[in-house]
Amino acid sequence: MTTQILISGFGGQGVLFTGKFLAYKGLIEDKQVSWLPSYGPEMRGGTASCSVIISDEPVGSPIVSKPDILVAMNIPSLDRYEDAVVPGGIILYDSSLIDRDVRRTDVKAYGVPATKLAGDNGIPTLANMILGGKLLSLLSSSEETGIRAALGKVISAKHADMLDVNLKALTLGAEA
């Protein structure tokens, strides 16, 4: 079983953080993983994307050109990558920032108002993790031990106080 995930949005939205979290979660579950960030020279405010592959077998290439799952955090990302998703795949998008529906009928599309939920719950910078929580719920991959361990790997010691708010964001997403 191999799952290819592409996460895309503006720099500063936490695209790379979410991808790294998913990759570490895969490692903790003894999967083979690949994490490949991509961003423009502007980084914050420019475009950013992250390819994550989680597999039972060794990963041959870190490049995701035909994702099984697309997480689009802004309209340019949905516009650019919607057609690349494999038929039967999943498109998960922030419906707070994307004002159109997914046009394809051969994929499962889930709009989550992640930015609005984050703001309403006092965690305005964690829309990315709300979408991550929804993704984990869709993949039936919400074992808290693995989630806590993965968060422990991606949250620096300096920001250890962010563990609980990230867990809150993941829970909000799972319930959305």
N, C-alpha and C. Protein backbone atom coordinates (compact mmCIF):
# COMPACT_ATOMS: atom_id res chain seq x y z
N MET A 1 0.85 -1.19 0.00
CA MET A 1 0.00 0.00 0.00
C MET A 1 0.88 1.24 0.00
N THR A 2 0.67 2.11 -0.96
CA THR A 2 1.41 3.37 -1.05
C THR A 2 0.41 4.50 -1.20
N THR A 3 0.59 5.56 -0.42
CA THR A 3 -0.26 6.74 -0.51
C THR A 3 0.63 7.93 -0.83
N GLN A 4 0.31 8.60 -1.93
CA GLN A 4 1.04 9.79 -2.34
C GLN A 4 0.20 11.02 -2.04
N ILE A 5 0.76 11.94 -1.26
CA ILE A 5 0.03 13.12 -0.79
C ILE A 5 0.76 14.37 -1.26
N LEU A 6 0.00 15.32 -1.77
CA LEU A 6 0.55 16.63 -2.13
C LEU A 6 -0.20 17.68 -1.33
N ILE A 7 0.55 18.47 -0.57
CA ILE A 7 -0.02 19.55 0.24
C ILE A 7 0.49 20.84 -0.38
N SER A 8 -0.40 21.79 -0.63
CA SER A 8 0.02 23.02 -1.30
C SER A 8 -0.74 24.23 -0.76
N GLY A 9 -0.04 25.37 -0.75
CA GLY A 9 -0.63 26.62 -0.29
C GLY A 9 0.37 27.74 -0.38
N PHE A 10 0.11 28.82 0.33
CA PHE A 10 1.04 29.93 0.42
C PHE A 10 2.09 29.61 1.47
N GLY A 11 3.30 30.14 1.29
CA GLY A 11 4.31 30.04 2.32
C GLY A 11 3.79 30.70 3.59
N GLY A 12 4.04 30.10 4.72
CA GLY A 12 3.56 30.64 5.99
C GLY A 12 2.27 29.99 6.47
N GLN A 13 1.64 29.15 5.63
CA GLN A 13 0.40 28.48 6.03
C GLN A 13 0.67 27.16 6.76
N GLY A 14 1.91 26.75 6.86
CA GLY A 14 2.22 25.51 7.56
C GLY A 14 2.20 24.28 6.68
N VAL A 15 2.32 24.47 5.38
CA VAL A 15 2.30 23.37 4.42
C VAL A 15 3.42 22.37 4.74
N LEU A 16 4.64 22.86 4.91
CA LEU A 16 5.78 21.98 5.14
C LEU A 16 5.68 21.30 6.51
N PHE A 17 5.19 22.03 7.51
CA PHE A 17 5.02 21.47 8.85
C PHE A 17 4.04 20.29 8.81
N THR A 18 2.92 20.46 8.11
CA THR A 18 1.92 19.40 8.03
C THR A 18 2.50 18.18 7.32
N GLY A 19 3.23 18.42 6.25
CA GLY A 19 3.86 17.31 5.53
C GLY A 19 4.86 16.57 6.39
N LYS A 20 5.66 17.33 7.14
CA LYS A 20 6.66 16.70 8.01
C LYS A 20 5.97 15.90 9.11
N PHE A 21 4.88 16.44 9.66
CA PHE A 21 4.11 15.72 10.67
C PHE A 21 3.61 14.38 10.12
N LEU A 22 3.03 14.40 8.92
CA LEU A 22 2.52 13.16 8.32
C LEU A 22 3.65 12.16 8.07
N ALA A 23 4.80 12.66 7.61
CA ALA A 23 5.95 11.79 7.35
C ALA A 23 6.43 11.14 8.66
N TYR A 24 6.58 11.93 9.71
CA TYR A 24 7.00 11.36 10.99
C TYR A 24 5.98 10.36 11.52
N LYS A 25 4.70 10.65 11.34
CA LYS A 25 3.68 9.72 11.79
C LYS A 25 3.84 8.38 11.05
N GLY A 26 4.13 8.46 9.75
CA GLY A 26 4.39 7.23 8.99
C GLY A 26 5.61 6.48 9.50
N LEU A 27 6.68 7.20 9.79
CA LEU A 27 7.89 6.57 10.33
C LEU A 27 7.61 5.86 11.65
N ILE A 28 6.87 6.51 12.51
CA ILE A 28 6.53 5.94 13.82
C ILE A 28 5.71 4.67 13.65
N GLU A 29 4.94 4.59 12.57
CA GLU A 29 4.13 3.41 12.29
C GLU A 29 4.88 2.38 11.45
N ASP A 30 6.22 2.52 11.38
CA ASP A 30 7.10 1.60 10.64
C ASP A 30 6.82 1.55 9.14
N LYS A 31 6.40 2.67 8.59
CA LYS A 31 6.20 2.77 7.14
C LYS A 31 7.47 3.33 6.50
N GLN A 32 7.58 3.15 5.22
CA GLN A 32 8.62 3.80 4.43
C GLN A 32 8.05 5.16 4.04
N VAL A 33 8.83 6.23 4.19
CA VAL A 33 8.30 7.56 3.90
C VAL A 33 9.28 8.38 3.08
N SER A 34 8.70 9.38 2.43
CA SER A 34 9.48 10.40 1.73
C SER A 34 8.78 11.72 2.00
N TRP A 35 9.58 12.76 2.25
CA TRP A 35 9.08 14.12 2.47
C TRP A 35 9.91 15.04 1.61
N LEU A 36 9.28 15.73 0.68
CA LEU A 36 10.01 16.60 -0.24
C LEU A 36 9.34 17.97 -0.28
N PRO A 37 9.95 18.97 0.38
CA PRO A 37 9.38 20.32 0.36
C PRO A 37 9.76 21.04 -0.93
N SER A 38 8.92 21.98 -1.32
CA SER A 38 9.20 22.82 -2.48
C SER A 38 8.60 24.19 -2.22
N TYR A 39 9.41 25.23 -2.37
CA TYR A 39 8.90 26.57 -2.14
C TYR A 39 9.71 27.57 -2.94
N GLY A 40 9.06 28.69 -3.24
CA GLY A 40 9.72 29.75 -3.98
C GLY A 40 10.69 30.52 -3.10
N PRO A 41 11.50 31.39 -3.70
CA PRO A 41 12.49 32.12 -2.92
C PRO A 41 11.87 33.07 -1.89
N GLU A 42 10.63 33.45 -2.08
CA GLU A 42 9.98 34.35 -1.14
C GLU A 42 9.60 33.62 0.14
N MET A 43 9.38 32.32 0.07
CA MET A 43 8.90 31.46 1.14
C MET A 43 7.59 32.00 1.73
N ARG A 44 7.65 32.89 2.70
CA ARG A 44 6.43 33.36 3.33
C ARG A 44 5.65 34.23 2.34
N GLY A 45 4.46 33.79 1.99
CA GLY A 45 3.64 34.53 1.04
C GLY A 45 3.76 34.01 -0.38
N GLY A 46 4.86 33.35 -0.70
CA GLY A 46 5.03 32.74 -2.02
C GLY A 46 4.33 31.39 -2.03
N THR A 47 4.53 30.63 -3.07
CA THR A 47 3.90 29.32 -3.13
C THR A 47 4.77 28.30 -2.41
N ALA A 48 4.13 27.36 -1.79
CA ALA A 48 4.83 26.27 -1.11
C ALA A 48 4.04 24.99 -1.33
N SER A 49 4.76 23.91 -1.51
CA SER A 49 4.11 22.61 -1.60
C SER A 49 5.01 21.57 -0.95
N CYS A 50 4.43 20.45 -0.66
CA CYS A 50 5.15 19.40 0.02
C CYS A 50 4.62 18.07 -0.46
N SER A 51 5.51 17.22 -0.93
CA SER A 51 5.15 15.88 -1.36
C SER A 51 5.48 14.90 -0.25
N VAL A 52 4.52 14.07 0.11
CA VAL A 52 4.72 13.06 1.14
C VAL A 52 4.27 11.72 0.56
N ILE A 53 5.13 10.73 0.69
CA ILE A 53 4.78 9.38 0.29
C ILE A 53 4.90 8.49 1.51
N ILE A 54 3.85 7.73 1.78
CA ILE A 54 3.83 6.79 2.89
C ILE A 54 3.53 5.42 2.29
N SER A 55 4.44 4.47 2.53
CA SER A 55 4.34 3.20 1.83
C SER A 55 4.75 2.03 2.71
N ASP A 56 4.28 0.85 2.35
CA ASP A 56 4.71 -0.38 2.99
C ASP A 56 6.02 -0.87 2.38
N GLU A 57 6.38 -0.34 1.23
CA GLU A 57 7.58 -0.75 0.52
C GLU A 57 8.52 0.44 0.36
N PRO A 58 9.80 0.20 0.06
CA PRO A 58 10.72 1.33 -0.14
C PRO A 58 10.20 2.29 -1.21
N VAL A 59 10.42 3.57 -0.98
CA VAL A 59 9.96 4.62 -1.89
C VAL A 59 11.06 4.85 -2.92
N GLY A 60 10.72 4.69 -4.20
CA GLY A 60 11.71 4.82 -5.27
C GLY A 60 12.03 6.25 -5.62
N SER A 61 11.04 7.11 -5.59
CA SER A 61 11.24 8.51 -5.95
C SER A 61 10.39 9.38 -5.04
N PRO A 62 10.93 10.50 -4.58
CA PRO A 62 10.16 11.36 -3.68
C PRO A 62 9.18 12.29 -4.41
N ILE A 63 9.17 12.24 -5.71
CA ILE A 63 8.34 13.17 -6.49
C ILE A 63 6.92 12.63 -6.61
N VAL A 64 5.96 13.49 -6.27
CA VAL A 64 4.54 13.13 -6.39
C VAL A 64 3.97 13.94 -7.55
N SER A 65 3.77 13.28 -8.69
CA SER A 65 3.18 13.97 -9.84
C SER A 65 1.70 13.62 -10.01
N LYS A 66 1.30 12.47 -9.50
CA LYS A 66 -0.10 12.02 -9.55
C LYS A 66 -0.54 11.66 -8.13
N PRO A 67 -0.90 12.67 -7.33
CA PRO A 67 -1.23 12.38 -5.93
C PRO A 67 -2.52 11.59 -5.77
N ASP A 68 -2.51 10.74 -4.76
CA ASP A 68 -3.75 10.07 -4.34
C ASP A 68 -4.59 11.05 -3.55
N ILE A 69 -3.90 11.97 -2.85
CA ILE A 69 -4.55 12.96 -2.00
C ILE A 69 -3.94 14.32 -2.26
N LEU A 70 -4.79 15.30 -2.49
CA LEU A 70 -4.36 16.70 -2.59
C LEU A 70 -4.97 17.46 -1.43
N VAL A 71 -4.12 18.18 -0.70
CA VAL A 71 -4.59 19.11 0.34
C VAL A 71 -4.28 20.50 -0.20
N ALA A 72 -5.33 21.23 -0.57
CA ALA A 72 -5.17 22.57 -1.16
C ALA A 72 -5.59 23.61 -0.12
N MET A 73 -4.63 24.49 0.22
CA MET A 73 -4.90 25.50 1.24
C MET A 73 -5.26 26.85 0.65
N ASN A 74 -5.19 26.97 -0.69
CA ASN A 74 -5.58 28.23 -1.35
C ASN A 74 -6.04 27.93 -2.77
N ILE A 75 -6.68 28.90 -3.40
CA ILE A 75 -7.25 28.71 -4.74
C ILE A 75 -6.19 28.42 -5.80
N PRO A 76 -5.01 29.09 -5.79
CA PRO A 76 -4.02 28.75 -6.81
C PRO A 76 -3.59 27.28 -6.73
N SER A 77 -3.55 26.73 -5.54
CA SER A 77 -3.17 25.32 -5.38
C SER A 77 -4.22 24.39 -5.95
N LEU A 78 -5.48 24.67 -5.68
CA LEU A 78 -6.55 23.85 -6.23
C LEU A 78 -6.56 23.97 -7.75
N ASP A 79 -6.43 25.19 -8.26
CA ASP A 79 -6.41 25.38 -9.70
C ASP A 79 -5.26 24.62 -10.36
N ARG A 80 -4.11 24.65 -9.72
CA ARG A 80 -2.92 24.04 -10.32
C ARG A 80 -2.91 22.52 -10.26
N TYR A 81 -3.36 21.95 -9.15
CA TYR A 81 -3.17 20.51 -8.94
C TYR A 81 -4.44 19.65 -9.02
N GLU A 82 -5.59 20.25 -9.15
CA GLU A 82 -6.83 19.46 -9.17
C GLU A 82 -6.80 18.37 -10.22
N ASP A 83 -6.37 18.69 -11.41
CA ASP A 83 -6.38 17.71 -12.50
C ASP A 83 -5.32 16.62 -12.34
N ALA A 84 -4.34 16.82 -11.47
CA ALA A 84 -3.27 15.84 -11.29
C ALA A 84 -3.68 14.67 -10.39
N VAL A 85 -4.71 14.85 -9.58
CA VAL A 85 -5.13 13.81 -8.64
C VAL A 85 -5.64 12.60 -9.41
N VAL A 86 -5.25 11.41 -8.95
CA VAL A 86 -5.66 10.19 -9.63
C VAL A 86 -7.18 10.02 -9.51
N PRO A 87 -7.82 9.43 -10.52
CA PRO A 87 -9.24 9.12 -10.40
C PRO A 87 -9.49 8.26 -9.15
N GLY A 88 -10.52 8.60 -8.40
CA GLY A 88 -10.80 7.90 -7.15
C GLY A 88 -10.05 8.47 -5.96
N GLY A 89 -9.22 9.48 -6.22
CA GLY A 89 -8.43 10.10 -5.16
C GLY A 89 -9.26 11.05 -4.30
N ILE A 90 -8.57 11.76 -3.43
CA ILE A 90 -9.22 12.67 -2.49
C ILE A 90 -8.65 14.07 -2.67
N ILE A 91 -9.55 15.04 -2.68
CA ILE A 91 -9.15 16.45 -2.65
C ILE A 91 -9.76 17.06 -1.39
N LEU A 92 -8.87 17.53 -0.53
CA LEU A 92 -9.26 18.16 0.72
C LEU A 92 -8.84 19.62 0.61
N TYR A 93 -9.78 20.55 0.84
CA TYR A 93 -9.44 21.96 0.64
C TYR A 93 -10.05 22.84 1.72
N ASP A 94 -9.40 24.00 1.91
CA ASP A 94 -9.85 24.98 2.89
C ASP A 94 -10.96 25.82 2.26
N SER A 95 -12.19 25.50 2.60
CA SER A 95 -13.34 26.21 2.00
C SER A 95 -13.49 27.63 2.53
N SER A 96 -12.72 28.01 3.54
CA SER A 96 -12.71 29.41 3.98
C SER A 96 -12.01 30.30 2.97
N LEU A 97 -11.00 29.73 2.29
CA LEU A 97 -10.18 30.51 1.36
C LEU A 97 -10.44 30.16 -0.10
N ILE A 98 -11.11 29.05 -0.34
CA ILE A 98 -11.38 28.61 -1.71
C ILE A 98 -12.88 28.70 -1.94
N ASP A 99 -13.25 29.60 -2.84
CA ASP A 99 -14.68 29.91 -3.03
C ASP A 99 -15.31 29.18 -4.20
N ARG A 100 -14.74 28.06 -4.59
CA ARG A 100 -15.36 27.25 -5.64
C ARG A 100 -15.31 25.79 -5.24
N ASP A 101 -16.20 25.01 -5.85
CA ASP A 101 -16.21 23.58 -5.60
C ASP A 101 -15.19 22.91 -6.50
N VAL A 102 -14.81 21.71 -6.12
CA VAL A 102 -13.97 20.88 -6.97
C VAL A 102 -14.78 20.54 -8.22
N ARG A 103 -14.18 20.70 -9.38
CA ARG A 103 -14.90 20.49 -10.65
C ARG A 103 -14.98 19.02 -11.06
N ARG A 104 -14.03 18.24 -10.60
CA ARG A 104 -13.99 16.83 -11.00
C ARG A 104 -15.06 16.02 -10.28
N THR A 105 -15.59 15.03 -10.98
CA THR A 105 -16.60 14.16 -10.38
C THR A 105 -16.04 12.76 -10.09
N ASP A 106 -14.79 12.52 -10.48
CA ASP A 106 -14.19 11.20 -10.28
C ASP A 106 -13.28 11.14 -9.07
N VAL A 107 -13.40 12.13 -8.19
CA VAL A 107 -12.63 12.16 -6.94
C VAL A 107 -13.60 12.47 -5.80
N LYS A 108 -13.15 12.19 -4.58
CA LYS A 108 -13.93 12.57 -3.39
C LYS A 108 -13.39 13.91 -2.93
N ALA A 109 -14.26 14.89 -2.80
CA ALA A 109 -13.84 16.23 -2.40
C ALA A 109 -14.44 16.58 -1.04
N TYR A 110 -13.60 17.18 -0.20
CA TYR A 110 -14.02 17.58 1.14
C TYR A 110 -13.59 19.02 1.38
N GLY A 111 -14.55 19.90 1.50
CA GLY A 111 -14.26 21.28 1.84
C GLY A 111 -14.40 21.47 3.34
N VAL A 112 -13.35 21.94 3.97
CA VAL A 112 -13.36 22.18 5.42
C VAL A 112 -13.02 23.66 5.63
N PRO A 113 -13.85 24.39 6.36
CA PRO A 113 -13.55 25.81 6.61
C PRO A 113 -12.44 25.97 7.66
N ALA A 114 -11.27 25.48 7.32
CA ALA A 114 -10.17 25.37 8.29
C ALA A 114 -9.73 26.73 8.84
N THR A 115 -9.58 27.72 7.99
CA THR A 115 -9.14 29.03 8.45
C THR A 115 -10.18 29.64 9.40
N LYS A 116 -11.45 29.49 9.07
CA LYS A 116 -12.51 30.00 9.94
C LYS A 116 -12.54 29.25 11.27
N LEU A 117 -12.45 27.93 11.21
CA LEU A 117 -12.44 27.13 12.44
C LEU A 117 -11.25 27.51 13.33
N ALA A 118 -10.10 27.70 12.71
CA ALA A 118 -8.91 28.07 13.47
C ALA A 118 -9.11 29.42 14.17
N GLY A 119 -9.62 30.40 13.44
CA GLY A 119 -9.88 31.72 14.02
C GLY A 119 -10.92 31.68 15.11
N ASP A 120 -12.01 30.95 14.87
CA ASP A 120 -13.09 30.86 15.85
C ASP A 120 -12.67 30.18 17.15
N ASN A 121 -11.63 29.34 17.07
CA ASN A 121 -11.19 28.58 18.24
C ASN A 121 -9.90 29.11 18.86
N GLY A 122 -9.51 30.32 18.46
CA GLY A 122 -8.35 30.96 19.07
C GLY A 122 -7.01 30.38 18.67
N ILE A 123 -6.97 29.67 17.55
CA ILE A 123 -5.72 29.09 17.06
C ILE A 123 -5.54 29.48 15.58
N PRO A 124 -5.46 30.79 15.30
CA PRO A 124 -5.52 31.27 13.92
C PRO A 124 -4.41 30.79 13.00
N THR A 125 -3.32 30.29 13.56
CA THR A 125 -2.22 29.84 12.71
C THR A 125 -2.25 28.33 12.44
N LEU A 126 -3.31 27.65 12.84
CA LEU A 126 -3.32 26.19 12.74
C LEU A 126 -4.37 25.62 11.79
N ALA A 127 -4.75 26.37 10.79
CA ALA A 127 -5.66 25.83 9.77
C ALA A 127 -5.04 24.60 9.10
N ASN A 128 -3.72 24.61 8.95
CA ASN A 128 -3.04 23.47 8.35
C ASN A 128 -3.26 22.19 9.14
N MET A 129 -3.22 22.28 10.44
CA MET A 129 -3.40 21.08 11.26
C MET A 129 -4.87 20.67 11.36
N ILE A 130 -5.76 21.62 11.18
CA ILE A 130 -7.18 21.25 11.09
C ILE A 130 -7.39 20.39 9.85
N LEU A 131 -6.80 20.81 8.73
CA LEU A 131 -6.89 19.99 7.51
C LEU A 131 -6.17 18.66 7.72
N GLY A 132 -5.05 18.68 8.45
CA GLY A 132 -4.34 17.43 8.76
C GLY A 132 -5.19 16.48 9.57
N GLY A 133 -5.95 17.01 10.52
CA GLY A 133 -6.84 16.19 11.31
C GLY A 133 -7.94 15.56 10.47
N LYS A 134 -8.49 16.35 9.54
CA LYS A 134 -9.51 15.80 8.64
C LYS A 134 -8.91 14.69 7.78
N LEU A 135 -7.70 14.92 7.30
CA LEU A 135 -7.03 13.92 6.48
C LEU A 135 -6.82 12.63 7.27
N LEU A 136 -6.35 12.74 8.49
CA LEU A 136 -6.16 11.54 9.31
C LEU A 136 -7.47 10.80 9.54
N SER A 137 -8.55 11.55 9.73
CA SER A 137 -9.85 10.89 9.94
C SER A 137 -10.30 10.17 8.67
N LEU A 138 -10.03 10.76 7.51
CA LEU A 138 -10.40 10.11 6.24
C LEU A 138 -9.59 8.84 6.01
N LEU A 139 -8.35 8.85 6.50
CA LEU A 139 -7.47 7.69 6.35
C LEU A 139 -7.63 6.70 7.50
N SER A 140 -8.54 6.98 8.43
CA SER A 140 -8.73 6.16 9.64
C SER A 140 -7.40 5.94 10.34
N SER A 141 -6.67 7.03 10.51
CA SER A 141 -5.33 6.95 11.08
C SER A 141 -5.22 7.94 12.24
N SER A 142 -6.04 7.74 13.25
CA SER A 142 -6.09 8.73 14.31
C SER A 142 -5.66 8.17 15.67
N GLU A 143 -4.72 7.21 15.68
CA GLU A 143 -4.21 6.67 16.94
C GLU A 143 -3.43 7.76 17.67
N GLU A 144 -3.86 8.11 18.87
CA GLU A 144 -3.29 9.27 19.56
C GLU A 144 -1.82 9.09 19.93
N THR A 145 -1.39 7.87 20.22
CA THR A 145 0.01 7.65 20.58
C THR A 145 0.93 8.06 19.43
N GLY A 146 0.62 7.62 18.22
CA GLY A 146 1.41 7.97 17.04
C GLY A 146 1.34 9.46 16.73
N ILE A 147 0.19 10.05 16.94
CA ILE A 147 0.02 11.48 16.68
C ILE A 147 0.86 12.29 17.66
N ARG A 148 0.80 11.95 18.94
CA ARG A 148 1.60 12.67 19.95
C ARG A 148 3.09 12.52 19.67
N ALA A 149 3.51 11.31 19.32
CA ALA A 149 4.93 11.07 19.05
C ALA A 149 5.40 11.86 17.83
N ALA A 150 4.57 11.90 16.78
CA ALA A 150 4.93 12.65 15.58
C ALA A 150 4.99 14.14 15.87
N LEU A 151 4.02 14.65 16.62
CA LEU A 151 4.05 16.06 17.00
C LEU A 151 5.29 16.38 17.83
N GLY A 152 5.69 15.44 18.68
CA GLY A 152 6.89 15.63 19.47
C GLY A 152 8.15 15.76 18.61
N LYS A 153 8.12 15.16 17.44
CA LYS A 153 9.26 15.25 16.52
C LYS A 153 9.28 16.56 15.74
N VAL A 154 8.12 17.11 15.42
CA VAL A 154 8.08 18.31 14.56
C VAL A 154 7.94 19.61 15.33
N ILE A 155 7.52 19.54 16.58
CA ILE A 155 7.43 20.75 17.40
C ILE A 155 8.73 20.86 18.18
N SER A 156 9.43 21.95 17.99
CA SER A 156 10.71 22.13 18.66
C SER A 156 10.51 22.27 20.16
N ALA A 157 11.58 21.98 20.91
CA ALA A 157 11.53 22.10 22.38
C ALA A 157 11.15 23.52 22.80
N LYS A 158 11.59 24.50 22.02
CA LYS A 158 11.28 25.90 22.31
C LYS A 158 9.77 26.16 22.27
N HIS A 159 9.06 25.39 21.43
CA HIS A 159 7.61 25.58 21.29
C HIS A 159 6.82 24.39 21.83
N ALA A 160 7.35 23.70 22.83
CA ALA A 160 6.70 22.52 23.39
C ALA A 160 5.28 22.82 23.87
N ASP A 161 5.02 24.07 24.23
CA ASP A 161 3.68 24.46 24.69
C ASP A 161 2.65 24.38 23.56
N MET A 162 3.09 24.21 22.33
CA MET A 162 2.17 24.14 21.19
C MET A 162 1.61 22.73 20.97
N LEU A 163 2.06 21.75 21.73
CA LEU A 163 1.58 20.37 21.54
C LEU A 163 0.08 20.28 21.73
N ASP A 164 -0.44 20.82 22.82
CA ASP A 164 -1.87 20.71 23.09
C ASP A 164 -2.73 21.46 22.08
N VAL A 165 -2.28 22.64 21.63
CA VAL A 165 -3.09 23.37 20.65
C VAL A 165 -3.06 22.67 19.29
N ASN A 166 -1.96 22.01 18.95
CA ASN A 166 -1.92 21.23 17.72
C ASN A 166 -2.85 20.03 17.82
N LEU A 167 -2.88 19.38 18.98
CA LEU A 167 -3.83 18.29 19.20
C LEU A 167 -5.27 18.77 19.07
N LYS A 168 -5.53 19.96 19.62
CA LYS A 168 -6.87 20.57 19.52
C LYS A 168 -7.23 20.79 18.05
N ALA A 169 -6.29 21.30 17.26
CA ALA A 169 -6.53 21.55 15.84
C ALA A 169 -6.81 20.23 15.10
N LEU A 170 -6.03 19.20 15.40
CA LEU A 170 -6.26 17.90 14.75
C LEU A 170 -7.65 17.36 15.09
N THR A 171 -8.06 17.53 16.34
CA THR A 171 -9.38 17.07 16.76
C THR A 171 -10.49 17.87 16.06
N LEU A 172 -10.32 19.18 15.97
CA LEU A 172 -11.30 20.01 15.24
C LEU A 172 -11.45 19.54 13.81
N GLY A 173 -10.32 19.24 13.17
CA GLY A 173 -10.35 18.77 11.79
C GLY A 173 -11.03 17.42 11.65
N ALA A 174 -10.72 16.51 12.56
CA ALA A 174 -11.32 15.17 12.51
C ALA A 174 -12.84 15.25 12.66
N GLU A 175 -13.30 16.21 13.44
CA GLU A 175 -14.73 16.36 13.69
C GLU A 175 -15.45 17.20 12.63
N ALA A 176 -14.70 17.87 11.78
CA ALA A 176 -15.30 18.78 10.78
C ALA A 176 -16.00 18.00 9.68
